[in-house]
C-alpha cells in the first residue's frame, strides 16, 4: 500500500497487487469488491479494466485498488512513479485449513512490495 496523503489530492492511498493471468486478475478484483461490500458495505465509485483483465482499477475515493497482470505491474511501475510515497505493509489474512484450523497465510518475500 502506498500512502499518498500529502502527495496528491484525489485519493489517500493506492493498494497494489498482481495476478499471473488475466483470469486471476479479474478474480482478485471481484474478490476484493465482494469482500469490501460484505464486510464494510463499500462499493467502488468507479471500476475500470475488468473486461481486459490486465489492469483492474477499483476506485473507492479514499483509496484505489490496482490489480495488475504481473507484466503490466512491472511495465507501469506505480511504485517507482510514486517513489516518494511511504509504503505500508499489509499483513496476509489467515487461511482456514480443511479441518477448520486457522493459520497465517504463507507469502513469498517480494522486492516489488
PDB file of N, CA and C in Angstrom:
ATOM      1  N   UNK A   1       0.853  -1.161   0.000  1.00  0.00           N
ATOM      2  CA  UNK A   1       0.000   0.000   0.000  1.00  0.00           C
ATOM      3  C   UNK A   1       0.900   1.225   0.000  1.00  0.00           C
ATOM      4  N   UNK A   2       0.564   2.199  -0.825  1.00  0.00           N
ATOM      5  CA  UNK A   2       1.285   3.460  -0.872  1.00  0.00           C
ATOM      6  C   UNK A   2       0.442   4.530  -0.196  1.00  0.00           C
ATOM      7  N   UNK A   3       1.023   5.233   0.761  1.00  0.00           N
ATOM      8  CA  UNK A   3       0.348   6.317   1.463  1.00  0.00           C
ATOM      9  C   UNK A   3       0.551   7.591   0.655  1.00  0.00           C
ATOM     10  N   UNK A   4      -0.497   8.077   0.007  1.00  0.00           N
ATOM     11  CA  UNK A   4      -0.402   9.231  -0.874  1.00  0.00           C
ATOM     12  C   UNK A   4      -0.868  10.525  -0.225  1.00  0.00           C
ATOM     13  N   UNK A   5      -1.229  10.466   1.060  1.00  0.00           N
ATOM     14  CA  UNK A   5      -1.676  11.683   1.737  1.00  0.00           C
ATOM     15  C   UNK A   5      -0.559  12.719   1.682  1.00  0.00           C
ATOM     16  N   UNK A   6      -0.910  13.914   1.275  1.00  0.00           N
ATOM     17  CA  UNK A   6       0.068  14.987   1.153  1.00  0.00           C
ATOM     18  C   UNK A   6       0.802  14.997  -0.179  1.00  0.00           C
ATOM     19  N   UNK A   7       0.649  13.937  -0.982  1.00  0.00           N
ATOM     20  CA  UNK A   7       1.320  13.869  -2.283  1.00  0.00           C
ATOM     21  C   UNK A   7       0.367  14.103  -3.447  1.00  0.00           C
ATOM     22  N   UNK A   8      -0.910  13.858  -3.230  1.00  0.00           N
ATOM     23  CA  UNK A   8      -1.904  14.097  -4.276  1.00  0.00           C
ATOM     24  C   UNK A   8      -3.224  14.460  -3.607  1.00  0.00           C
ATOM     25  N   UNK A   9      -4.152  14.958  -4.404  1.00  0.00           N
ATOM     26  CA  UNK A   9      -5.430  15.378  -3.824  1.00  0.00           C
ATOM     27  C   UNK A   9      -6.622  14.541  -4.287  1.00  0.00           C
ATOM     28  N   UNK A  10      -6.378  13.419  -4.978  1.00  0.00           N
ATOM     29  CA  UNK A  10      -7.504  12.627  -5.480  1.00  0.00           C
ATOM     30  C   UNK A  10      -7.755  11.346  -4.696  1.00  0.00           C
ATOM     31  N   UNK A  11      -6.823  10.929  -3.852  1.00  0.00           N
ATOM     32  CA  UNK A  11      -7.029   9.751  -3.003  1.00  0.00           C
ATOM     33  C   UNK A  11      -5.998   9.757  -1.884  1.00  0.00           C
ATOM     34  N   UNK A  12      -6.230   8.944  -0.865  1.00  0.00           N
ATOM     35  CA  UNK A  12      -5.285   8.837   0.248  1.00  0.00           C
ATOM     36  C   UNK A  12      -4.261   7.734   0.049  1.00  0.00           C
ATOM     37  N   UNK A  13      -4.636   6.676  -0.676  1.00  0.00           N
ATOM     38  CA  UNK A  13      -3.697   5.562  -0.819  1.00  0.00           C
ATOM     39  C   UNK A  13      -4.007   4.708  -2.035  1.00  0.00           C
ATOM     40  N   UNK A  14      -2.965   4.032  -2.487  1.00  0.00           N
ATOM     41  CA  UNK A  14      -3.072   3.015  -3.530  1.00  0.00           C
ATOM     42  C   UNK A  14      -2.784   1.673  -2.882  1.00  0.00           C
ATOM     43  N   UNK A  15      -3.589   0.695  -3.186  1.00  0.00           N
ATOM     44  CA  UNK A  15      -3.310  -0.687  -2.817  1.00  0.00           C
ATOM     45  C   UNK A  15      -2.991  -1.387  -4.126  1.00  0.00           C
ATOM     46  N   UNK A  16      -1.798  -1.974  -4.211  1.00  0.00           N
ATOM     47  CA  UNK A  16      -1.313  -2.523  -5.474  1.00  0.00           C
ATOM     48  C   UNK A  16      -0.998  -4.002  -5.288  1.00  0.00           C
ATOM     49  N   UNK A  17      -1.517  -4.813  -6.209  1.00  0.00           N
ATOM     50  CA  UNK A  17      -1.214  -6.239  -6.204  1.00  0.00           C
ATOM     51  C   UNK A  17      -1.251  -6.739  -7.640  1.00  0.00           C
ATOM     52  N   UNK A  18      -0.933  -8.006  -7.827  1.00  0.00           N
ATOM     53  CA  UNK A  18      -0.961  -8.542  -9.191  1.00  0.00           C
ATOM     54  C   UNK A  18      -1.319 -10.021  -9.194  1.00  0.00           C
ATOM     55  N   UNK A  19      -1.737 -10.459 -10.372  1.00  0.00           N
ATOM     56  CA  UNK A  19      -2.012 -11.865 -10.631  1.00  0.00           C
ATOM     57  C   UNK A  19      -1.136 -12.328 -11.779  1.00  0.00           C
ATOM     58  N   UNK A  20      -1.147 -13.622 -12.017  1.00  0.00           N
ATOM     59  CA  UNK A  20      -0.270 -14.186 -13.046  1.00  0.00           C
ATOM     60  C   UNK A  20      -1.000 -14.467 -14.363  1.00  0.00           C
ATOM     61  N   UNK A  21      -2.309 -14.255 -14.404  1.00  0.00           N
ATOM     62  CA  UNK A  21      -3.080 -14.416 -15.634  1.00  0.00           C
ATOM     63  C   UNK A  21      -4.232 -13.423 -15.602  1.00  0.00           C
ATOM     64  N   UNK A  22      -4.788 -13.139 -16.767  1.00  0.00           N
ATOM     65  CA  UNK A  22      -5.927 -12.216 -16.839  1.00  0.00           C
ATOM     66  C   UNK A  22      -7.097 -12.733 -16.009  1.00  0.00           C
ATOM     67  N   UNK A  23      -7.323 -14.026 -16.070  1.00  0.00           N
ATOM     68  CA  UNK A  23      -8.416 -14.623 -15.285  1.00  0.00           C
ATOM     69  C   UNK A  23      -8.196 -14.402 -13.787  1.00  0.00           C
ATOM     70  N   UNK A  24      -6.944 -14.560 -13.343  1.00  0.00           N
ATOM     71  CA  UNK A  24      -6.647 -14.356 -11.927  1.00  0.00           C
ATOM     72  C   UNK A  24      -6.802 -12.885 -11.534  1.00  0.00           C
ATOM     73  N   UNK A  25      -6.393 -11.971 -12.402  1.00  0.00           N
ATOM     74  CA  UNK A  25      -6.553 -10.537 -12.137  1.00  0.00           C
ATOM     75  C   UNK A  25      -8.028 -10.204 -11.944  1.00  0.00           C
ATOM     76  N   UNK A  26      -8.873 -10.691 -12.826  1.00  0.00           N
ATOM     77  CA  UNK A  26     -10.313 -10.441 -12.716  1.00  0.00           C
ATOM     78  C   UNK A  26     -10.862 -11.069 -11.433  1.00  0.00           C
ATOM     79  N   UNK A  27     -10.442 -12.287 -11.120  1.00  0.00           N
ATOM     80  CA  UNK A  27     -10.910 -12.961  -9.898  1.00  0.00           C
ATOM     81  C   UNK A  27     -10.491 -12.210  -8.643  1.00  0.00           C
ATOM     82  N   UNK A  28      -9.260 -11.731  -8.612  1.00  0.00           N
ATOM     83  CA  UNK A  28      -8.790 -10.954  -7.455  1.00  0.00           C
ATOM     84  C   UNK A  28      -9.628  -9.698  -7.305  1.00  0.00           C
ATOM     85  N   UNK A  29      -9.843  -8.983  -8.404  1.00  0.00           N
ATOM     86  CA  UNK A  29     -10.621  -7.739  -8.326  1.00  0.00           C
ATOM     87  C   UNK A  29     -12.049  -8.006  -7.865  1.00  0.00           C
ATOM     88  N   UNK A  30     -12.652  -9.074  -8.354  1.00  0.00           N
ATOM     89  CA  UNK A  30     -14.015  -9.427  -7.930  1.00  0.00           C
ATOM     90  C   UNK A  30     -14.047  -9.812  -6.454  1.00  0.00           C
ATOM     91  N   UNK A  31     -13.033 -10.520  -5.988  1.00  0.00           N
ATOM     92  CA  UNK A  31     -12.973 -10.920  -4.576  1.00  0.00           C
ATOM     93  C   UNK A  31     -12.796  -9.705  -3.673  1.00  0.00           C
ATOM     94  N   UNK A  32     -11.959  -8.767  -4.075  1.00  0.00           N
ATOM     95  CA  UNK A  32     -11.767  -7.535  -3.296  1.00  0.00           C
ATOM     96  C   UNK A  32     -13.087  -6.778  -3.211  1.00  0.00           C
ATOM     97  N   UNK A  33     -13.739  -6.617  -4.348  1.00  0.00           N
ATOM     98  CA  UNK A  33     -15.012  -5.891  -4.378  1.00  0.00           C
ATOM     99  C   UNK A  33     -16.067  -6.578  -3.516  1.00  0.00           C
ATOM    100  N   UNK A  34     -16.154  -7.894  -3.622  1.00  0.00           N
ATOM    101  CA  UNK A  34     -17.130  -8.647  -2.830  1.00  0.00           C
ATOM    102  C   UNK A  34     -16.831  -8.555  -1.338  1.00  0.00           C
ATOM    103  N   UNK A  35     -15.570  -8.700  -0.961  1.00  0.00           N
ATOM    104  CA  UNK A  35     -15.195  -8.664   0.459  1.00  0.00           C
ATOM    105  C   UNK A  35     -15.474  -7.290   1.064  1.00  0.00           C
ATOM    106  N   UNK A  36     -15.138  -6.228   0.354  1.00  0.00           N
ATOM    107  CA  UNK A  36     -15.387  -4.883   0.872  1.00  0.00           C
ATOM    108  C   UNK A  36     -16.884  -4.590   0.947  1.00  0.00           C
ATOM    109  N   UNK A  37     -17.653  -5.090   0.000  1.00  0.00           N
ATOM    110  CA  UNK A  37     -19.105  -4.900   0.034  1.00  0.00           C
ATOM    111  C   UNK A  37     -19.715  -5.649   1.212  1.00  0.00           C
ATOM    112  N   UNK A  38     -19.237  -6.868   1.439  1.00  0.00           N
ATOM    113  CA  UNK A  38     -19.792  -7.700   2.510  1.00  0.00           C
ATOM    114  C   UNK A  38     -19.366  -7.213   3.891  1.00  0.00           C
ATOM    115  N   UNK A  39     -18.079  -6.991   4.066  1.00  0.00           N
ATOM    116  CA  UNK A  39     -17.588  -6.689   5.408  1.00  0.00           C
ATOM    117  C   UNK A  39     -17.705  -5.215   5.785  1.00  0.00           C
ATOM    118  N   UNK A  40     -17.597  -4.308   4.820  1.00  0.00           N
ATOM    119  CA  UNK A  40     -17.608  -2.877   5.141  1.00  0.00           C
ATOM    120  C   UNK A  40     -18.719  -2.098   4.447  1.00  0.00           C
ATOM    121  N   UNK A  41     -19.526  -2.791   3.654  1.00  0.00           N
ATOM    122  CA  UNK A  41     -20.609  -2.150   2.893  1.00  0.00           C
ATOM    123  C   UNK A  41     -20.079  -1.013   2.002  1.00  0.00           C
ATOM    124  N   UNK A  42     -18.924  -1.271   1.390  1.00  0.00           N
ATOM    125  CA  UNK A  42     -18.320  -0.310   0.471  1.00  0.00           C
ATOM    126  C   UNK A  42     -18.476  -0.782  -0.961  1.00  0.00           C
ATOM    127  N   UNK A  43     -18.786   0.160  -1.837  1.00  0.00           N
ATOM    128  CA  UNK A  43     -18.843  -0.122  -3.266  1.00  0.00           C
ATOM    129  C   UNK A  43     -17.919   0.867  -3.962  1.00  0.00           C
ATOM    130  N   UNK A  44     -17.227   0.421  -4.996  1.00  0.00           N
ATOM    131  CA  UNK A  44     -16.355   1.357  -5.695  1.00  0.00           C
ATOM    132  C   UNK A  44     -17.172   2.397  -6.454  1.00  0.00           C
ATOM    133  N   UNK A  45     -16.641   3.617  -6.506  1.00  0.00           N
ATOM    134  CA  UNK A  45     -17.285   4.659  -7.284  1.00  0.00           C
ATOM    135  C   UNK A  45     -17.068   4.448  -8.773  1.00  0.00           C
ATOM    136  N   UNK A  46     -15.998   3.744  -9.096  1.00  0.00           N
ATOM    137  CA  UNK A  46     -15.667   3.504 -10.497  1.00  0.00           C
ATOM    138  C   UNK A  46     -14.828   2.233 -10.598  1.00  0.00           C
ATOM    139  N   UNK A  47     -15.099   1.420 -11.610  1.00  0.00           N
ATOM    140  CA  UNK A  47     -14.317   0.216 -11.907  1.00  0.00           C
ATOM    141  C   UNK A  47     -13.890   0.318 -13.355  1.00  0.00           C
ATOM    142  N   UNK A  48     -12.624   0.019 -13.595  1.00  0.00           N
ATOM    143  CA  UNK A  48     -12.098   0.118 -14.950  1.00  0.00           C
ATOM    144  C   UNK A  48     -11.186  -1.071 -15.243  1.00  0.00           C
ATOM    145  N   UNK A  49     -11.240  -1.573 -16.470  1.00  0.00           N
ATOM    146  CA  UNK A  49     -10.295  -2.581 -16.943  1.00  0.00           C
ATOM    147  C   UNK A  49     -10.660  -4.031 -16.720  1.00  0.00           C
ATOM    148  N   UNK A  50     -11.822  -4.294 -16.154  1.00  0.00           N
ATOM    149  CA  UNK A  50     -12.163  -5.683 -15.843  1.00  0.00           C
ATOM    150  C   UNK A  50     -12.320  -6.527 -17.106  1.00  0.00           C
ATOM    151  N   UNK A  51     -12.808  -5.940 -18.176  1.00  0.00           N
ATOM    152  CA  UNK A  51     -13.012  -6.697 -19.417  1.00  0.00           C
ATOM    153  C   UNK A  51     -11.684  -7.226 -19.962  1.00  0.00           C
ATOM    154  N   UNK A  52     -10.639  -6.389 -19.939  1.00  0.00           N
ATOM    155  CA  UNK A  52      -9.342  -6.796 -20.468  1.00  0.00           C
ATOM    156  C   UNK A  52      -8.572  -7.674 -19.489  1.00  0.00           C
ATOM    157  N   UNK A  53      -8.698  -7.404 -18.198  1.00  0.00           N
ATOM    158  CA  UNK A  53      -8.042  -8.223 -17.184  1.00  0.00           C
ATOM    159  C   UNK A  53      -6.538  -8.046 -17.095  1.00  0.00           C
ATOM    160  N   UNK A  54      -6.030  -6.915 -17.582  1.00  0.00           N
ATOM    161  CA  UNK A  54      -4.596  -6.659 -17.476  1.00  0.00           C
ATOM    162  C   UNK A  54      -4.285  -5.677 -16.358  1.00  0.00           C
ATOM    163  N   UNK A  55      -5.210  -4.768 -16.095  1.00  0.00           N
ATOM    164  CA  UNK A  55      -5.069  -3.789 -15.017  1.00  0.00           C
ATOM    165  C   UNK A  55      -6.477  -3.382 -14.617  1.00  0.00           C
ATOM    166  N   UNK A  56      -6.934  -3.880 -13.488  1.00  0.00           N
ATOM    167  CA  UNK A  56      -8.261  -3.521 -12.991  1.00  0.00           C
ATOM    168  C   UNK A  56      -8.087  -2.481 -11.899  1.00  0.00           C
ATOM    169  N   UNK A  57      -8.820  -1.400 -12.027  1.00  0.00           N
ATOM    170  CA  UNK A  57      -8.783  -0.314 -11.064  1.00  0.00           C
ATOM    171  C   UNK A  57     -10.131  -0.255 -10.361  1.00  0.00           C
ATOM    172  N   UNK A  58     -10.107  -0.290  -9.043  1.00  0.00           N
ATOM    173  CA  UNK A  58     -11.311  -0.155  -8.219  1.00  0.00           C
ATOM    174  C   UNK A  58     -11.147   1.136  -7.420  1.00  0.00           C
ATOM    175  N   UNK A  59     -11.922   2.156  -7.745  1.00  0.00           N
ATOM    176  CA  UNK A  59     -11.786   3.462  -7.106  1.00  0.00           C
ATOM    177  C   UNK A  59     -12.804   3.603  -5.985  1.00  0.00           C
ATOM    178  N   UNK A  60     -12.305   3.596  -4.758  1.00  0.00           N
ATOM    179  CA  UNK A  60     -13.145   3.756  -3.577  1.00  0.00           C
ATOM    180  C   UNK A  60     -13.023   5.173  -3.002  1.00  0.00           C
ATOM    181  N   UNK A  61     -12.578   6.112  -3.784  1.00  0.00           N
ATOM    182  CA  UNK A  61     -12.381   7.527  -3.468  1.00  0.00           C
ATOM    183  C   UNK A  61     -11.241   7.711  -2.453  1.00  0.00           C
ATOM    184  N   UNK A  62     -11.395   7.227  -1.215  1.00  0.00           N
ATOM    185  CA  UNK A  62     -10.340   7.381  -0.212  1.00  0.00           C
ATOM    186  C   UNK A  62      -9.140   6.488  -0.502  1.00  0.00           C
ATOM    187  N   UNK A  63      -9.364   5.415  -1.232  1.00  0.00           N
ATOM    188  CA  UNK A  63      -8.273   4.532  -1.647  1.00  0.00           C
ATOM    189  C   UNK A  63      -8.623   3.936  -3.001  1.00  0.00           C
ATOM    190  N   UNK A  64      -7.578   3.575  -3.741  1.00  0.00           N
ATOM    191  CA  UNK A  64      -7.745   2.980  -5.062  1.00  0.00           C
ATOM    192  C   UNK A  64      -7.007   1.650  -5.067  1.00  0.00           C
ATOM    193  N   UNK A  65      -7.697   0.600  -5.480  1.00  0.00           N
ATOM    194  CA  UNK A  65      -7.098  -0.725  -5.581  1.00  0.00           C
ATOM    195  C   UNK A  65      -6.703  -0.951  -7.036  1.00  0.00           C
ATOM    196  N   UNK A  66      -5.428  -1.291  -7.238  1.00  0.00           N
ATOM    197  CA  UNK A  66      -4.903  -1.604  -8.568  1.00  0.00           C
ATOM    198  C   UNK A  66      -4.552  -3.087  -8.584  1.00  0.00           C
ATOM    199  N   UNK A  67      -5.186  -3.845  -9.458  1.00  0.00           N
ATOM    200  CA  UNK A  67      -4.871  -5.264  -9.615  1.00  0.00           C
ATOM    201  C   UNK A  67      -4.313  -5.428 -11.026  1.00  0.00           C
ATOM    202  N   UNK A  68      -3.028  -5.733 -11.090  1.00  0.00           N
ATOM    203  CA  UNK A  68      -2.322  -5.821 -12.366  1.00  0.00           C
ATOM    204  C   UNK A  68      -2.063  -7.253 -12.781  1.00  0.00           C
ATOM    205  N   UNK A  69      -1.910  -7.463 -14.064  1.00  0.00           N
ATOM    206  CA  UNK A  69      -1.214  -8.627 -14.592  1.00  0.00           C
ATOM    207  C   UNK A  69       0.257  -8.357 -14.265  1.00  0.00           C
ATOM    208  N   UNK A  70       1.004  -9.349 -13.818  1.00  0.00           N
ATOM    209  CA  UNK A  70       2.368  -9.137 -13.320  1.00  0.00           C
ATOM    210  C   UNK A  70       3.218  -8.320 -14.288  1.00  0.00           C
ATOM    211  N   UNK A  71       3.134  -8.623 -15.577  1.00  0.00           N
ATOM    212  CA  UNK A  71       3.944  -7.897 -16.562  1.00  0.00           C
ATOM    213  C   UNK A  71       3.541  -6.427 -16.650  1.00  0.00           C
ATOM    214  N   UNK A  72       2.254  -6.150 -16.524  1.00  0.00           N
ATOM    215  CA  UNK A  72       1.772  -4.767 -16.582  1.00  0.00           C
ATOM    216  C   UNK A  72       2.208  -3.996 -15.338  1.00  0.00           C
ATOM    217  N   UNK A  73       2.202  -4.670 -14.196  1.00  0.00           N
ATOM    218  CA  UNK A  73       2.657  -4.009 -12.972  1.00  0.00           C
ATOM    219  C   UNK A  73       4.107  -3.562 -13.121  1.00  0.00           C
ATOM    220  N   UNK A  74       4.948  -4.427 -13.658  1.00  0.00           N
ATOM    221  CA  UNK A  74       6.354  -4.084 -13.865  1.00  0.00           C
ATOM    222  C   UNK A  74       6.484  -2.953 -14.886  1.00  0.00           C
ATOM    223  N   UNK A  75       5.703  -3.009 -15.954  1.00  0.00           N
ATOM    224  CA  UNK A  75       5.789  -2.001 -17.021  1.00  0.00           C
ATOM    225  C   UNK A  75       5.385  -0.619 -16.518  1.00  0.00           C
ATOM    226  N   UNK A  76       4.231  -0.517 -15.833  1.00  0.00           N
ATOM    227  CA  UNK A  76       3.739   0.786 -15.404  1.00  0.00           C
ATOM    228  C   UNK A  76       4.444   1.301 -14.154  1.00  0.00           C
ATOM    229  N   UNK A  77       4.918   0.432 -13.305  1.00  0.00           N
ATOM    230  CA  UNK A  77       5.749   0.816 -12.167  1.00  0.00           C
ATOM    231  C   UNK A  77       5.173   1.892 -11.266  1.00  0.00           C
ATOM    232  N   UNK A  78       3.958   1.709 -10.787  1.00  0.00           N
ATOM    233  CA  UNK A  78       3.373   2.714  -9.899  1.00  0.00           C
ATOM    234  C   UNK A  78       4.237   2.953  -8.665  1.00  0.00           C
ATOM    235  N   UNK A  79       4.885   1.905  -8.183  1.00  0.00           N
ATOM    236  CA  UNK A  79       5.751   2.073  -7.012  1.00  0.00           C
ATOM    237  C   UNK A  79       6.921   3.005  -7.333  1.00  0.00           C
ATOM    238  N   UNK A  80       7.432   2.944  -8.561  1.00  0.00           N
ATOM    239  CA  UNK A  80       8.502   3.866  -8.973  1.00  0.00           C
ATOM    240  C   UNK A  80       7.945   5.269  -9.206  1.00  0.00           C
ATOM    241  N   UNK A  81       6.809   5.342  -9.881  1.00  0.00           N
ATOM    242  CA  UNK A  81       6.190   6.619 -10.195  1.00  0.00           C
ATOM    243  C   UNK A  81       5.879   7.410  -8.921  1.00  0.00           C
ATOM    244  N   UNK A  82       5.399   6.719  -7.917  1.00  0.00           N
ATOM    245  CA  UNK A  82       5.079   7.333  -6.627  1.00  0.00           C
ATOM    246  C   UNK A  82       6.177   6.984  -5.619  1.00  0.00           C
ATOM    247  N   UNK A  83       7.424   7.127  -6.023  1.00  0.00           N
ATOM    248  CA  UNK A  83       8.574   6.744  -5.200  1.00  0.00           C
ATOM    249  C   UNK A  83       8.678   7.485  -3.884  1.00  0.00           C
ATOM    250  N   UNK A  84       8.096   8.683  -3.796  1.00  0.00           N
ATOM    251  CA  UNK A  84       8.149   9.453  -2.545  1.00  0.00           C
ATOM    252  C   UNK A  84       7.101   8.999  -1.529  1.00  0.00           C
ATOM    253  N   UNK A  85       6.170   8.173  -1.959  1.00  0.00           N
ATOM    254  CA  UNK A  85       5.078   7.738  -1.069  1.00  0.00           C
ATOM    255  C   UNK A  85       5.576   6.690  -0.086  1.00  0.00           C
ATOM    256  N   UNK A  86       5.274   6.878   1.188  1.00  0.00           N
ATOM    257  CA  UNK A  86       5.623   5.842   2.170  1.00  0.00           C
ATOM    258  C   UNK A  86       4.871   4.548   1.865  1.00  0.00           C
ATOM    259  N   UNK A  87       5.545   3.425   2.071  1.00  0.00           N
ATOM    260  CA  UNK A  87       4.927   2.108   1.891  1.00  0.00           C
ATOM    261  C   UNK A  87       4.386   1.629   3.224  1.00  0.00           C
ATOM    262  N   UNK A  88       3.212   1.020   3.167  1.00  0.00           N
ATOM    263  CA  UNK A  88       2.595   0.442   4.359  1.00  0.00           C
ATOM    264  C   UNK A  88       2.370  -1.027   4.068  1.00  0.00           C
ATOM    265  N   UNK A  89       2.980  -1.894   4.865  1.00  0.00           N
ATOM    266  CA  UNK A  89       2.821  -3.338   4.667  1.00  0.00           C
ATOM    267  C   UNK A  89       1.426  -3.761   5.113  1.00  0.00           C
ATOM    268  N   UNK A  90       0.847  -4.652   4.348  1.00  0.00           N
ATOM    269  CA  UNK A  90      -0.458  -5.208   4.702  1.00  0.00           C
ATOM    270  C   UNK A  90      -0.242  -6.677   5.002  1.00  0.00           C
ATOM    271  N   UNK A  91      -0.599  -7.094   6.204  1.00  0.00           N
ATOM    272  CA  UNK A  91      -0.433  -8.490   6.584  1.00  0.00           C
ATOM    273  C   UNK A  91      -1.389  -9.369   5.804  1.00  0.00           C
ATOM    274  N   UNK A  92      -0.914 -10.560   5.466  1.00  0.00           N
ATOM    275  CA  UNK A  92      -1.760 -11.540   4.783  1.00  0.00           C
ATOM    276  C   UNK A  92      -2.815 -12.048   5.761  1.00  0.00           C
ATOM    277  N   UNK A  93      -4.036 -12.278   5.281  1.00  0.00           N
ATOM    278  CA  UNK A  93      -5.081 -12.812   6.160  1.00  0.00           C
ATOM    279  C   UNK A  93      -4.774 -14.256   6.531  1.00  0.00           C
ATOM    280  N   UNK A  94      -5.440 -14.711   7.571  1.00  0.00           N
ATOM    281  CA  UNK A  94      -5.281 -16.106   7.967  1.00  0.00           C
ATOM    282  C   UNK A  94      -6.027 -16.996   6.991  1.00  0.00           C
ATOM    283  N   UNK A  95      -5.493 -18.194   6.756  1.00  0.00           N
ATOM    284  CA  UNK A  95      -6.170 -19.192   5.940  1.00  0.00           C
ATOM    285  C   UNK A  95      -6.847 -20.179   6.877  1.00  0.00           C
ATOM    286  N   UNK A  96      -7.889 -20.805   6.406  1.00  0.00           N
ATOM    287  CA  UNK A  96      -8.554 -21.849   7.169  1.00  0.00           C
ATOM    288  C   UNK A  96      -8.222 -23.181   6.509  1.00  0.00           C
ATOM    289  N   UNK A  97      -7.740 -24.125   7.311  1.00  0.00           N
ATOM    290  CA  UNK A  97      -7.401 -25.444   6.773  1.00  0.00           C
ATOM    291  C   UNK A  97      -8.676 -26.259   6.610  1.00  0.00           C
ATOM    292  N   UNK A  98      -8.553 -27.400   5.957  1.00  0.00           N
ATOM    293  CA  UNK A  98      -9.710 -28.277   5.736  1.00  0.00           C
ATOM    294  C   UNK A  98     -10.345 -28.677   7.055  1.00  0.00           C
ATOM    295  N   UNK A  99      -9.545 -28.799   8.109  1.00  0.00           N
ATOM    296  CA  UNK A  99     -10.070 -29.178   9.419  1.00  0.00           C
ATOM    297  C   UNK A  99     -10.621 -28.013  10.211  1.00  0.00           C
ATOM    298  N   UNK A 100     -10.626 -26.812   9.618  1.00  0.00           N
ATOM    299  CA  UNK A 100     -11.176 -25.658  10.303  1.00  0.00           C
ATOM    300  C   UNK A 100     -10.158 -24.885  11.126  1.00  0.00           C
ATOM    301  N   UNK A 101      -8.905 -25.348  11.173  1.00  0.00           N
ATOM    302  CA  UNK A 101      -7.886 -24.636  11.931  1.00  0.00           C
ATOM    303  C   UNK A 101      -7.451 -23.397  11.162  1.00  0.00           C
ATOM    304  N   UNK A 102      -7.127 -22.352  11.901  1.00  0.00           N
ATOM    305  CA  UNK A 102      -6.676 -21.119  11.261  1.00  0.00           C
ATOM    306  C   UNK A 102      -5.166 -21.034  11.365  1.00  0.00           C
ATOM    307  N   UNK A 103      -4.548 -20.559  10.279  1.00  0.00           N
ATOM    308  CA  UNK A 103      -3.098 -20.367  10.286  1.00  0.00           C
ATOM    309  C   UNK A 103      -2.793 -19.156   9.415  1.00  0.00           C
ATOM    310  N   UNK A 104      -1.643 -18.580   9.641  1.00  0.00           N
ATOM    311  CA  UNK A 104      -1.243 -17.424   8.833  1.00  0.00           C
ATOM    312  C   UNK A 104      -0.996 -17.876   7.408  1.00  0.00           C
ATOM    313  N   UNK A 105      -1.444 -17.087   6.475  1.00  0.00           N
ATOM    314  CA  UNK A 105      -1.210 -17.393   5.060  1.00  0.00           C
ATOM    315  C   UNK A 105       0.271 -17.261   4.761  1.00  0.00           C
ATOM    316  N   UNK A 106       0.765 -18.143   3.900  1.00  0.00           N
ATOM    317  CA  UNK A 106       2.168 -18.075   3.503  1.00  0.00           C
ATOM    318  C   UNK A 106       2.322 -17.050   2.402  1.00  0.00           C
ATOM    319  N   UNK A 107       3.365 -16.238   2.522  1.00  0.00           N
ATOM    320  CA  UNK A 107       3.661 -15.261   1.491  1.00  0.00           C
ATOM    321  C   UNK A 107       5.086 -15.450   1.032  1.00  0.00           C
ATOM    322  N   UNK A 108       5.290 -15.269  -0.238  1.00  0.00           N
ATOM    323  CA  UNK A 108       6.638 -15.274  -0.772  1.00  0.00           C
ATOM    324  C   UNK A 108       7.232 -13.885  -0.554  1.00  0.00           C
ATOM    325  N   UNK A 109       8.480 -13.802  -0.101  1.00  0.00           N
ATOM    326  CA  UNK A 109       9.091 -12.483   0.003  1.00  0.00           C
ATOM    327  C   UNK A 109       9.136 -11.851  -1.379  1.00  0.00           C
ATOM    328  N   UNK A 110       8.891 -10.559  -1.433  1.00  0.00           N
ATOM    329  CA  UNK A 110       8.847  -9.881  -2.721  1.00  0.00           C
ATOM    330  C   UNK A 110       9.510  -8.530  -2.627  1.00  0.00           C
ATOM    331  N   UNK A 111      10.429  -8.280  -3.535  1.00  0.00           N
ATOM    332  CA  UNK A 111      11.083  -6.973  -3.573  1.00  0.00           C
ATOM    333  C   UNK A 111      10.170  -5.921  -4.163  1.00  0.00           C
ATOM    334  N   UNK A 112       9.095  -6.327  -4.841  1.00  0.00           N
ATOM    335  CA  UNK A 112       8.215  -5.364  -5.501  1.00  0.00           C
ATOM    336  C   UNK A 112       7.086  -4.886  -4.613  1.00  0.00           C
ATOM    337  N   UNK A 113       7.085  -5.231  -3.359  1.00  0.00           N
ATOM    338  CA  UNK A 113       6.033  -4.786  -2.458  1.00  0.00           C
ATOM    339  C   UNK A 113       6.102  -3.343  -2.187  1.00  0.00           C
TER     340      UNK A 113
END
